[in-house]
Protein backbone atom coordinates (compact mmCIF):
# COMPACT_ATOMS: atom_id res chain seq x y z
CA UNK A 1 12.62 0.15 -18.75
CA UNK A 2 11.37 0.08 -15.16
CA UNK A 3 13.04 2.27 -12.55
CA UNK A 4 13.22 2.32 -8.74
CA UNK A 5 13.91 4.75 -5.94
CA UNK A 6 14.36 4.41 -2.20
CA UNK A 7 13.23 6.53 0.75
CA UNK A 8 14.83 5.95 4.13
CA UNK A 9 13.04 6.85 7.35
CA UNK A 10 14.11 7.01 10.96
CA UNK A 11 11.11 6.90 13.30
CA UNK A 12 10.84 7.96 16.93
CA UNK A 13 10.54 4.80 19.07
CA UNK A 14 7.20 5.72 20.60
CA UNK A 15 5.64 6.19 17.13
CA UNK A 16 6.83 3.08 15.30
CA UNK A 17 3.38 1.43 15.11
CA UNK A 18 1.74 4.71 14.09
CA UNK A 19 4.32 5.15 11.32
CA UNK A 20 3.64 1.67 9.94
CA UNK A 21 -0.09 2.34 10.01
CA UNK A 22 0.23 5.71 8.21
CA UNK A 23 2.53 4.29 5.54
CA UNK A 24 0.32 1.26 4.92
CA UNK A 25 -2.59 3.56 4.04
CA UNK A 26 -0.68 5.54 1.40
CA UNK A 27 -1.97 5.07 -2.13
CA UNK A 28 0.25 4.48 -5.15
CA UNK A 29 1.06 7.53 -7.26
CA UNK A 30 0.41 7.63 -10.98
CA UNK A 31 2.84 5.34 -12.89
CA UNK A 32 3.95 3.80 -9.58
CA UNK A 33 3.81 0.03 -10.00
CA UNK A 34 4.58 -0.92 -6.42
CA UNK A 35 6.04 0.20 -3.13
CA UNK A 36 7.42 -1.88 -0.32
CA UNK A 37 8.11 -0.77 3.24
CA UNK A 38 10.99 -2.69 4.82
CA UNK A 39 12.11 -2.43 8.43
CA UNK A 40 15.91 -2.20 8.42
CA UNK A 41 16.53 -1.58 12.13
CA UNK A 42 14.63 -1.16 15.36
CA UNK A 43 13.28 2.24 14.27
CA UNK A 44 14.62 2.52 10.73
CA UNK A 45 12.73 1.78 7.55
CA UNK A 46 13.38 1.75 3.85
CA UNK A 47 10.65 2.18 1.25
CA UNK A 48 11.29 0.99 -2.30
CA UNK A 49 9.21 2.37 -5.15
CA UNK A 50 9.01 0.72 -8.58
CA UNK A 51 8.02 2.91 -11.54
CA UNK A 52 6.87 2.11 -15.08
CA UNK A 53 9.77 4.08 -16.58
CA UNK A 54 12.66 6.31 -15.59
CA UNK A 55 10.66 9.22 -16.98
CA UNK A 56 7.74 8.36 -14.69
CA UNK A 57 10.10 8.40 -11.70
CA UNK A 58 11.59 11.71 -12.81
CA UNK A 59 8.16 13.32 -13.21
CA UNK A 60 7.00 12.02 -9.79
CA UNK A 61 10.14 13.18 -7.98
CA UNK A 62 8.84 16.70 -7.34
CA UNK A 63 5.65 15.26 -5.77
CA UNK A 64 7.71 12.90 -3.62
CA UNK A 65 9.90 15.77 -2.42
CA UNK A 66 6.78 17.82 -1.75
CA UNK A 67 5.36 14.92 0.30
CA UNK A 68 8.55 14.74 2.40
CA UNK A 69 8.53 18.52 2.84
CA UNK A 70 4.93 18.34 4.03
CA UNK A 71 5.99 15.73 6.58
CA UNK A 72 8.56 18.21 7.87
CA UNK A 73 5.91 20.95 8.11
CA UNK A 74 3.24 18.85 9.82
CA UNK A 75 3.63 19.02 13.61
CA UNK A 76 1.74 15.75 14.12
CA UNK A 77 3.93 13.94 11.61
CA UNK A 78 7.13 15.56 12.91
CA UNK A 79 6.40 13.81 16.17
CA UNK A 80 6.74 10.47 14.33
CA UNK A 81 9.86 11.01 12.23
CA UNK A 82 13.36 11.94 13.23
CA UNK A 83 14.66 11.77 9.65
CA UNK A 84 13.60 10.98 6.06
CA UNK A 85 15.85 10.82 2.99
CA UNK A 86 15.00 10.36 -0.67
CA UNK A 87 17.39 8.44 -2.93
CA UNK A 88 17.14 7.40 -6.56
């Protein structure tokens, strides 16, 4: 059975276009069937990931958390985001 998860982002106004550009260049992870970036507000976005199975999502979760942690640690990227949350 396929499974999905959602990541919500809040982007600093002056970096909205840069954020969209960075996210559009991201490659799919293993077992990731698709991902869609949706603008939900002026500077808020939601990204929906579709996975082959619930197990594939569960095994990718640590890499997704690591990716978000790296965003927090990267000074250049911190300038873009004000917040990012992972939901499943």
